[in-house]
């Protein structure tokens, strides 16, 4: 009995082979939809972040202007009434 157990333990069982070639295995439509959704969500998040950063910067500029007016000072601007034009290209 121990000889049979030793022979069975020594011979490895073959692993099952795949009938589908590796070239034909793709993520398919579900994978494409998942990646497309990730891309769309990323783009929407970047747009929202840009809006929030711009809004915060404008609020800070307005707060500085109001504080300067309260102290009786004047805040120099390049173009009176149009301080937001060209602001993004100058700061980067």
PDB file of N, CA and C in Angstrom:
ATOM      1  N   UNK A   1       0.817  -1.186   0.000  1.00  0.00           N
ATOM      2  CA  UNK A   1       0.000   0.000   0.000  1.00  0.00           C
ATOM      3  C   UNK A   1       0.863   1.253   0.000  1.00  0.00           C
ATOM      4  N   UNK A   2       1.956   1.246   0.688  1.00  0.00           N
ATOM      5  CA  UNK A   2       2.807   2.427   0.743  1.00  0.00           C
ATOM      6  C   UNK A   2       3.495   2.672  -0.588  1.00  0.00           C
ATOM      7  N   UNK A   3       3.708   1.645  -1.372  1.00  0.00           N
ATOM      8  CA  UNK A   3       4.318   1.817  -2.689  1.00  0.00           C
ATOM      9  C   UNK A   3       3.351   2.529  -3.627  1.00  0.00           C
ATOM     10  N   UNK A   4       2.100   2.194  -3.565  1.00  0.00           N
ATOM     11  CA  UNK A   4       1.095   2.846  -4.415  1.00  0.00           C
ATOM     12  C   UNK A   4       0.948   4.311  -4.021  1.00  0.00           C
ATOM     13  N   UNK A   5       0.946   4.619  -2.758  1.00  0.00           N
ATOM     14  CA  UNK A   5       0.839   5.997  -2.291  1.00  0.00           C
ATOM     15  C   UNK A   5       2.057   6.796  -2.714  1.00  0.00           C
ATOM     16  N   UNK A   6       3.230   6.216  -2.698  1.00  0.00           N
ATOM     17  CA  UNK A   6       4.449   6.903  -3.107  1.00  0.00           C
ATOM     18  C   UNK A   6       4.428   7.185  -4.606  1.00  0.00           C
ATOM     19  N   UNK A   7       3.922   6.234  -5.405  1.00  0.00           N
ATOM     20  CA  UNK A   7       3.860   6.430  -6.860  1.00  0.00           C
ATOM     21  C   UNK A   7       2.840   7.517  -7.200  1.00  0.00           C
ATOM     22  N   UNK A   8       1.694   7.506  -6.546  1.00  0.00           N
ATOM     23  CA  UNK A   8       0.675   8.531  -6.809  1.00  0.00           C
ATOM     24  C   UNK A   8       1.136   9.920  -6.388  1.00  0.00           C
ATOM     25  N   UNK A   9       1.885  10.005  -5.324  1.00  0.00           N
ATOM     26  CA  UNK A   9       2.387  11.289  -4.845  1.00  0.00           C
ATOM     27  C   UNK A   9       3.497  11.814  -5.744  1.00  0.00           C
ATOM     28  N   UNK A  10       4.259  10.931  -6.391  1.00  0.00           N
ATOM     29  CA  UNK A  10       5.388  11.345  -7.213  1.00  0.00           C
ATOM     30  C   UNK A  10       4.950  11.822  -8.592  1.00  0.00           C
ATOM     31  N   UNK A  11       3.826  11.353  -9.121  1.00  0.00           N
ATOM     32  CA  UNK A  11       3.398  11.762 -10.461  1.00  0.00           C
ATOM     33  C   UNK A  11       2.469  12.969 -10.359  1.00  0.00           C
ATOM     34  N   UNK A  12       2.885  14.072 -10.939  1.00  0.00           N
ATOM     35  CA  UNK A  12       2.035  15.269 -10.867  1.00  0.00           C
ATOM     36  C   UNK A  12       0.843  15.126 -11.805  1.00  0.00           C
ATOM     37  N   UNK A  13      -0.250  15.721 -11.396  1.00  0.00           N
ATOM     38  CA  UNK A  13      -1.432  15.699 -12.256  1.00  0.00           C
ATOM     39  C   UNK A  13      -1.305  16.828 -13.273  1.00  0.00           C
ATOM     40  N   UNK A  14      -1.685  16.583 -14.512  1.00  0.00           N
ATOM     41  CA  UNK A  14      -1.539  17.635 -15.535  1.00  0.00           C
ATOM     42  C   UNK A  14      -2.525  18.772 -15.284  1.00  0.00           C
ATOM     43  N   UNK A  15      -2.062  19.985 -15.560  1.00  0.00           N
ATOM     44  CA  UNK A  15      -2.951  21.142 -15.392  1.00  0.00           C
ATOM     45  C   UNK A  15      -3.840  21.252 -16.631  1.00  0.00           C
ATOM     46  N   UNK A  16      -5.040  21.740 -16.454  1.00  0.00           N
ATOM     47  CA  UNK A  16      -5.932  21.843 -17.609  1.00  0.00           C
ATOM     48  C   UNK A  16      -5.423  22.886 -18.592  1.00  0.00           C
ATOM     49  N   UNK A  17      -5.549  22.596 -19.864  1.00  0.00           N
ATOM     50  CA  UNK A  17      -5.098  23.528 -20.886  1.00  0.00           C
ATOM     51  C   UNK A  17      -6.282  24.357 -21.367  1.00  0.00           C
ATOM     52  N   UNK A  18      -5.994  25.567 -21.760  1.00  0.00           N
ATOM     53  CA  UNK A  18      -7.041  26.477 -22.232  1.00  0.00           C
ATOM     54  C   UNK A  18      -7.325  26.196 -23.697  1.00  0.00           C
ATOM     55  N   UNK A  19      -8.590  26.220 -24.051  1.00  0.00           N
ATOM     56  CA  UNK A  19      -8.964  26.004 -25.441  1.00  0.00           C
ATOM     57  C   UNK A  19      -9.049  27.318 -26.210  1.00  0.00           C
ATOM     58  N   UNK A  20      -9.019  28.442 -25.512  1.00  0.00           N
ATOM     59  CA  UNK A  20      -9.101  29.757 -26.138  1.00  0.00           C
ATOM     60  C   UNK A  20      -7.686  30.323 -26.254  1.00  0.00           C
ATOM     61  N   UNK A  21      -7.275  30.775 -27.436  1.00  0.00           N
ATOM     62  CA  UNK A  21      -5.939  31.386 -27.559  1.00  0.00           C
ATOM     63  C   UNK A  21      -5.857  32.683 -26.754  1.00  0.00           C
ATOM     64  N   UNK A  22      -4.658  32.984 -26.263  1.00  0.00           N
ATOM     65  CA  UNK A  22      -4.466  34.196 -25.455  1.00  0.00           C
ATOM     66  C   UNK A  22      -4.728  35.465 -26.243  1.00  0.00           C
ATOM     67  N   UNK A  23      -4.604  35.437 -27.544  1.00  0.00           N
ATOM     68  CA  UNK A  23      -4.817  36.618 -28.376  1.00  0.00           C
ATOM     69  C   UNK A  23      -6.285  37.023 -28.373  1.00  0.00           C
ATOM     70  N   UNK A  24      -7.181  36.056 -28.237  1.00  0.00           N
ATOM     71  CA  UNK A  24      -8.614  36.344 -28.298  1.00  0.00           C
ATOM     72  C   UNK A  24      -9.196  36.829 -26.977  1.00  0.00           C
ATOM     73  N   UNK A  25      -8.426  36.843 -25.917  1.00  0.00           N
ATOM     74  CA  UNK A  25      -8.933  37.264 -24.608  1.00  0.00           C
ATOM     75  C   UNK A  25      -8.776  38.781 -24.495  1.00  0.00           C
ATOM     76  N   UNK A  26      -9.895  39.500 -24.433  1.00  0.00           N
ATOM     77  CA  UNK A  26      -9.895  40.959 -24.327  1.00  0.00           C
ATOM     78  C   UNK A  26     -10.880  41.378 -23.245  1.00  0.00           C
ATOM     79  N   UNK A  27     -10.758  42.629 -22.757  1.00  0.00           N
ATOM     80  CA  UNK A  27     -11.712  43.097 -21.752  1.00  0.00           C
ATOM     81  C   UNK A  27     -13.115  43.271 -22.310  1.00  0.00           C
ATOM     82  N   UNK A  28     -13.240  43.471 -23.598  1.00  0.00           N
ATOM     83  CA  UNK A  28     -14.554  43.557 -24.217  1.00  0.00           C
ATOM     84  C   UNK A  28     -15.251  44.880 -23.993  1.00  0.00           C
ATOM     85  N   UNK A  29     -16.530  44.864 -24.195  1.00  0.00           N
ATOM     86  CA  UNK A  29     -17.354  46.070 -24.101  1.00  0.00           C
ATOM     87  C   UNK A  29     -17.419  46.567 -22.658  1.00  0.00           C
ATOM     88  N   UNK A  30     -17.492  45.654 -21.726  1.00  0.00           N
ATOM     89  CA  UNK A  30     -17.580  46.051 -20.310  1.00  0.00           C
ATOM     90  C   UNK A  30     -16.313  46.789 -19.884  1.00  0.00           C
ATOM     91  N   UNK A  31     -15.162  46.296 -20.311  1.00  0.00           N
ATOM     92  CA  UNK A  31     -13.904  46.972 -19.986  1.00  0.00           C
ATOM     93  C   UNK A  31     -13.814  48.342 -20.619  1.00  0.00           C
ATOM     94  N   UNK A  32     -14.262  48.449 -21.873  1.00  0.00           N
ATOM     95  CA  UNK A  32     -14.254  49.742 -22.547  1.00  0.00           C
ATOM     96  C   UNK A  32     -15.165  50.736 -21.832  1.00  0.00           C
ATOM     97  N   UNK A  33     -16.344  50.306 -21.449  1.00  0.00           N
ATOM     98  CA  UNK A  33     -17.286  51.189 -20.759  1.00  0.00           C
ATOM     99  C   UNK A  33     -16.721  51.627 -19.406  1.00  0.00           C
ATOM    100  N   UNK A  34     -16.078  50.712 -18.701  1.00  0.00           N
ATOM    101  CA  UNK A  34     -15.508  51.062 -17.397  1.00  0.00           C
ATOM    102  C   UNK A  34     -14.417  52.114 -17.539  1.00  0.00           C
ATOM    103  N   UNK A  35     -13.520  51.944 -18.506  1.00  0.00           N
ATOM    104  CA  UNK A  35     -12.440  52.913 -18.706  1.00  0.00           C
ATOM    105  C   UNK A  35     -13.003  54.243 -19.203  1.00  0.00           C
ATOM    106  N   UNK A  36     -14.013  54.201 -20.064  1.00  0.00           N
ATOM    107  CA  UNK A  36     -14.632  55.436 -20.544  1.00  0.00           C
ATOM    108  C   UNK A  36     -15.279  56.203 -19.390  1.00  0.00           C
ATOM    109  N   UNK A  37     -15.943  55.500 -18.488  1.00  0.00           N
ATOM    110  CA  UNK A  37     -16.549  56.169 -17.328  1.00  0.00           C
ATOM    111  C   UNK A  37     -15.490  56.786 -16.424  1.00  0.00           C
ATOM    112  N   UNK A  38     -14.390  56.087 -16.217  1.00  0.00           N
ATOM    113  CA  UNK A  38     -13.306  56.639 -15.397  1.00  0.00           C
ATOM    114  C   UNK A  38     -12.761  57.911 -16.046  1.00  0.00           C
ATOM    115  N   UNK A  39     -12.600  57.904 -17.367  1.00  0.00           N
ATOM    116  CA  UNK A  39     -12.088  59.087 -18.068  1.00  0.00           C
ATOM    117  C   UNK A  39     -13.063  60.262 -17.958  1.00  0.00           C
ATOM    118  N   UNK A  40     -14.347  60.006 -18.134  1.00  0.00           N
ATOM    119  CA  UNK A  40     -15.353  61.080 -18.049  1.00  0.00           C
ATOM    120  C   UNK A  40     -15.405  61.653 -16.637  1.00  0.00           C
ATOM    121  N   UNK A  41     -15.384  60.799 -15.632  1.00  0.00           N
ATOM    122  CA  UNK A  41     -15.419  61.272 -14.242  1.00  0.00           C
ATOM    123  C   UNK A  41     -14.173  62.093 -13.930  1.00  0.00           C
ATOM    124  N   UNK A  42     -13.019  61.668 -14.432  1.00  0.00           N
ATOM    125  CA  UNK A  42     -11.780  62.420 -14.199  1.00  0.00           C
ATOM    126  C   UNK A  42     -11.857  63.800 -14.834  1.00  0.00           C
ATOM    127  N   UNK A  43     -12.360  63.882 -16.051  1.00  0.00           N
ATOM    128  CA  UNK A  43     -12.480  65.175 -16.725  1.00  0.00           C
ATOM    129  C   UNK A  43     -13.441  66.084 -15.961  1.00  0.00           C
ATOM    130  N   UNK A  44     -14.559  65.544 -15.511  1.00  0.00           N
ATOM    131  CA  UNK A  44     -15.513  66.357 -14.750  1.00  0.00           C
ATOM    132  C   UNK A  44     -14.920  66.836 -13.430  1.00  0.00           C
ATOM    133  N   UNK A  45     -14.138  66.001 -12.772  1.00  0.00           N
ATOM    134  CA  UNK A  45     -13.487  66.423 -11.518  1.00  0.00           C
ATOM    135  C   UNK A  45     -12.473  67.530 -11.754  1.00  0.00           C
ATOM    136  N   UNK A  46     -11.725  67.453 -12.839  1.00  0.00           N
ATOM    137  CA  UNK A  46     -10.741  68.497 -13.142  1.00  0.00           C
ATOM    138  C   UNK A  46     -11.453  69.815 -13.432  1.00  0.00           C
ATOM    139  N   UNK A  47     -12.542  69.774 -14.177  1.00  0.00           N
ATOM    140  CA  UNK A  47     -13.300  70.996 -14.470  1.00  0.00           C
ATOM    141  C   UNK A  47     -13.854  71.597 -13.182  1.00  0.00           C
ATOM    142  N   UNK A  48     -14.403  70.768 -12.303  1.00  0.00           N
ATOM    143  CA  UNK A  48     -14.951  71.266 -11.041  1.00  0.00           C
ATOM    144  C   UNK A  48     -13.850  71.850 -10.163  1.00  0.00           C
ATOM    145  N   UNK A  49     -12.702  71.200 -10.121  1.00  0.00           N
ATOM    146  CA  UNK A  49     -11.595  71.702  -9.309  1.00  0.00           C
ATOM    147  C   UNK A  49     -11.126  73.058  -9.828  1.00  0.00           C
ATOM    148  N   UNK A  50     -11.044  73.205 -11.150  1.00  0.00           N
ATOM    149  CA  UNK A  50     -10.623  74.478 -11.729  1.00  0.00           C
ATOM    150  C   UNK A  50     -11.586  75.588 -11.355  1.00  0.00           C
ATOM    151  N   UNK A  51     -12.875  75.307 -11.422  1.00  0.00           N
ATOM    152  CA  UNK A  51     -13.876  76.312 -11.047  1.00  0.00           C
ATOM    153  C   UNK A  51     -13.742  76.714  -9.588  1.00  0.00           C
ATOM    154  N   UNK A  52     -13.543  75.732  -8.721  1.00  0.00           N
ATOM    155  CA  UNK A  52     -13.437  76.042  -7.292  1.00  0.00           C
ATOM    156  C   UNK A  52     -12.188  76.856  -6.983  1.00  0.00           C
ATOM    157  N   UNK A  53     -11.082  76.531  -7.622  1.00  0.00           N
ATOM    158  CA  UNK A  53      -9.845  77.287  -7.395  1.00  0.00           C
ATOM    159  C   UNK A  53     -10.003  78.719  -7.889  1.00  0.00           C
ATOM    160  N   UNK A  54     -10.596  78.888  -9.071  1.00  0.00           N
ATOM    161  CA  UNK A  54     -10.806  80.226  -9.612  1.00  0.00           C
ATOM    162  C   UNK A  54     -11.733  81.037  -8.706  1.00  0.00           C
ATOM    163  N   UNK A  55     -12.804  80.408  -8.229  1.00  0.00           N
ATOM    164  CA  UNK A  55     -13.754  81.096  -7.348  1.00  0.00           C
ATOM    165  C   UNK A  55     -13.066  81.523  -6.048  1.00  0.00           C
ATOM    166  N   UNK A  56     -12.224  80.668  -5.496  1.00  0.00           N
ATOM    167  CA  UNK A  56     -11.509  81.005  -4.263  1.00  0.00           C
ATOM    168  C   UNK A  56     -10.557  82.171  -4.486  1.00  0.00           C
ATOM    169  N   UNK A  57      -9.871  82.177  -5.631  1.00  0.00           N
ATOM    170  CA  UNK A  57      -8.944  83.270  -5.918  1.00  0.00           C
ATOM    171  C   UNK A  57      -9.697  84.582  -6.082  1.00  0.00           C
ATOM    172  N   UNK A  58     -10.831  84.570  -6.773  1.00  0.00           N
ATOM    173  CA  UNK A  58     -11.616  85.791  -6.950  1.00  0.00           C
ATOM    174  C   UNK A  58     -12.147  86.303  -5.615  1.00  0.00           C
ATOM    175  N   UNK A  59     -12.589  85.395  -4.763  1.00  0.00           N
ATOM    176  CA  UNK A  59     -13.091  85.819  -3.448  1.00  0.00           C
ATOM    177  C   UNK A  59     -11.979  86.462  -2.629  1.00  0.00           C
ATOM    178  N   UNK A  60     -10.769  85.926  -2.716  1.00  0.00           N
ATOM    179  CA  UNK A  60      -9.645  86.506  -1.979  1.00  0.00           C
ATOM    180  C   UNK A  60      -9.314  87.898  -2.508  1.00  0.00           C
ATOM    181  N   UNK A  61      -9.345  88.057  -3.830  1.00  0.00           N
ATOM    182  CA  UNK A  61      -9.079  89.376  -4.406  1.00  0.00           C
ATOM    183  C   UNK A  61     -10.137  90.386  -3.982  1.00  0.00           C
ATOM    184  N   UNK A  62     -11.384  89.983  -3.975  1.00  0.00           N
ATOM    185  CA  UNK A  62     -12.461  90.893  -3.561  1.00  0.00           C
ATOM    186  C   UNK A  62     -12.326  91.230  -2.084  1.00  0.00           C
ATOM    187  N   UNK A  63     -11.979  90.235  -1.256  1.00  0.00           N
ATOM    188  CA  UNK A  63     -11.801  90.488   0.175  1.00  0.00           C
ATOM    189  C   UNK A  63     -10.667  91.490   0.399  1.00  0.00           C
ATOM    190  N   UNK A  64      -9.554  91.342  -0.347  1.00  0.00           N
ATOM    191  CA  UNK A  64      -8.447  92.286  -0.212  1.00  0.00           C
ATOM    192  C   UNK A  64      -8.878  93.697  -0.612  1.00  0.00           C
ATOM    193  N   UNK A  65      -9.650  93.779  -1.712  1.00  0.00           N
ATOM    194  CA  UNK A  65     -10.127  95.084  -2.168  1.00  0.00           C
ATOM    195  C   UNK A  65     -11.039  95.738  -1.140  1.00  0.00           C
ATOM    196  N   UNK A  66     -11.955  94.953  -0.560  1.00  0.00           N
ATOM    197  CA  UNK A  66     -12.867  95.514   0.440  1.00  0.00           C
ATOM    198  C   UNK A  66     -12.127  95.948   1.705  1.00  0.00           C
ATOM    199  N   UNK A  67     -11.142  95.157   2.119  1.00  0.00           N
ATOM    200  CA  UNK A  67     -10.358  95.536   3.299  1.00  0.00           C
ATOM    201  C   UNK A  67      -9.547  96.795   3.027  1.00  0.00           C
ATOM    202  N   UNK A  68      -9.011  96.918   1.817  1.00  0.00           N
ATOM    203  CA  UNK A  68      -8.245  98.118   1.473  1.00  0.00           C
ATOM    204  C   UNK A  68      -9.164  99.338   1.429  1.00  0.00           C
ATOM    205  N   UNK A  69     -10.370  99.180   0.900  1.00  0.00           N
ATOM    206  CA  UNK A  69     -11.309 100.297   0.886  1.00  0.00           C
ATOM    207  C   UNK A  69     -11.727 100.687   2.293  1.00  0.00           C
ATOM    208  N   UNK A  70     -11.856  99.712   3.178  1.00  0.00           N
ATOM    209  CA  UNK A  70     -12.234 100.012   4.558  1.00  0.00           C
ATOM    210  C   UNK A  70     -11.127 100.792   5.265  1.00  0.00           C
ATOM    211  N   UNK A  71      -9.869 100.514   4.891  1.00  0.00           N
ATOM    212  CA  UNK A  71      -8.757 101.253   5.477  1.00  0.00           C
ATOM    213  C   UNK A  71      -8.526 102.594   4.789  1.00  0.00           C
ATOM    214  N   UNK A  72      -9.214 102.828   3.678  1.00  0.00           N
ATOM    215  CA  UNK A  72      -9.060 104.092   2.959  1.00  0.00           C
ATOM    216  C   UNK A  72      -7.965 104.049   1.915  1.00  0.00           C
ATOM    217  N   UNK A  73      -7.450 102.892   1.585  1.00  0.00           N
ATOM    218  CA  UNK A  73      -6.394 102.769   0.573  1.00  0.00           C
ATOM    219  C   UNK A  73      -7.026 102.443  -0.779  1.00  0.00           C
ATOM    220  N   UNK A  74      -6.236 102.617  -1.822  1.00  0.00           N
ATOM    221  CA  UNK A  74      -6.690 102.210  -3.153  1.00  0.00           C
ATOM    222  C   UNK A  74      -5.840 101.042  -3.621  1.00  0.00           C
ATOM    223  N   UNK A  75      -6.478 100.120  -4.297  1.00  0.00           N
ATOM    224  CA  UNK A  75      -5.776  98.943  -4.805  1.00  0.00           C
ATOM    225  C   UNK A  75      -5.473  99.185  -6.273  1.00  0.00           C
ATOM    226  N   UNK A  76      -4.183  99.146  -6.672  1.00  0.00           N
ATOM    227  CA  UNK A  76      -3.856  99.384  -8.080  1.00  0.00           C
ATOM    228  C   UNK A  76      -4.295  98.207  -8.948  1.00  0.00           C
ATOM    229  N   UNK A  77      -4.874  98.527 -10.101  1.00  0.00           N
ATOM    230  CA  UNK A  77      -5.275  97.510 -11.076  1.00  0.00           C
ATOM    231  C   UNK A  77      -4.735  97.900 -12.441  1.00  0.00           C
ATOM    232  N   UNK A  78      -4.494  96.921 -13.286  1.00  0.00           N
ATOM    233  CA  UNK A  78      -3.992  97.189 -14.634  1.00  0.00           C
ATOM    234  C   UNK A  78      -5.068  97.840 -15.497  1.00  0.00           C
ATOM    235  N   UNK A  79      -6.248  97.244 -15.492  1.00  0.00           N
ATOM    236  CA  UNK A  79      -7.381  97.777 -16.250  1.00  0.00           C
ATOM    237  C   UNK A  79      -8.531  98.003 -15.283  1.00  0.00           C
ATOM    238  N   UNK A  80      -8.954  99.221 -15.083  1.00  0.00           N
ATOM    239  CA  UNK A  80     -10.060  99.458 -14.155  1.00  0.00           C
ATOM    240  C   UNK A  80     -11.323  98.749 -14.611  1.00  0.00           C
ATOM    241  N   UNK A  81     -11.929  98.008 -13.703  1.00  0.00           N
ATOM    242  CA  UNK A  81     -13.171  97.326 -14.003  1.00  0.00           C
ATOM    243  C   UNK A  81     -13.006  95.969 -14.664  1.00  0.00           C
ATOM    244  N   UNK A  82     -11.787  95.600 -15.051  1.00  0.00           N
ATOM    245  CA  UNK A  82     -11.581  94.322 -15.723  1.00  0.00           C
ATOM    246  C   UNK A  82     -10.349  93.635 -15.147  1.00  0.00           C
ATOM    247  N   UNK A  83     -10.357  93.343 -13.872  1.00  0.00           N
ATOM    248  CA  UNK A  83      -9.186  92.746 -13.230  1.00  0.00           C
ATOM    249  C   UNK A  83      -9.046  91.263 -13.520  1.00  0.00           C
ATOM    250  N   UNK A  84     -10.113  90.598 -13.984  1.00  0.00           N
ATOM    251  CA  UNK A  84     -10.028  89.165 -14.210  1.00  0.00           C
ATOM    252  C   UNK A  84      -9.500  88.805 -15.597  1.00  0.00           C
ATOM    253  N   UNK A  85      -9.420  89.744 -16.519  1.00  0.00           N
ATOM    254  CA  UNK A  85      -8.973  89.453 -17.879  1.00  0.00           C
ATOM    255  C   UNK A  85      -7.460  89.306 -17.886  1.00  0.00           C
ATOM    256  N   UNK A  86      -6.977  88.200 -18.438  1.00  0.00           N
ATOM    257  CA  UNK A  86      -5.552  87.967 -18.545  1.00  0.00           C
ATOM    258  C   UNK A  86      -4.906  87.494 -17.263  1.00  0.00           C
ATOM    259  N   UNK A  87      -5.668  87.303 -16.223  1.00  0.00           N
ATOM    260  CA  UNK A  87      -5.124  86.913 -14.931  1.00  0.00           C
ATOM    261  C   UNK A  87      -4.545  85.504 -14.981  1.00  0.00           C
ATOM    262  N   UNK A  88      -5.221  84.585 -15.671  1.00  0.00           N
ATOM    263  CA  UNK A  88      -4.769  83.201 -15.708  1.00  0.00           C
ATOM    264  C   UNK A  88      -3.474  83.051 -16.505  1.00  0.00           C
ATOM    265  N   UNK A  89      -3.300  83.828 -17.577  1.00  0.00           N
ATOM    266  CA  UNK A  89      -2.112  83.659 -18.394  1.00  0.00           C
ATOM    267  C   UNK A  89      -0.888  84.268 -17.733  1.00  0.00           C
ATOM    268  N   UNK A  90      -1.063  85.291 -16.914  1.00  0.00           N
ATOM    269  CA  UNK A  90       0.081  85.921 -16.273  1.00  0.00           C
ATOM    270  C   UNK A  90       0.610  85.092 -15.118  1.00  0.00           C
ATOM    271  N   UNK A  91      -0.267  84.432 -14.377  1.00  0.00           N
ATOM    272  CA  UNK A  91       0.160  83.661 -13.217  1.00  0.00           C
ATOM    273  C   UNK A  91       0.502  82.223 -13.560  1.00  0.00           C
ATOM    274  N   UNK A  92       0.051  81.742 -14.687  1.00  0.00           N
ATOM    275  CA  UNK A  92       0.386  80.363 -15.094  1.00  0.00           C
ATOM    276  C   UNK A  92      -0.637  79.406 -14.838  1.00  0.00           C
TER     277      UNK A  92
END
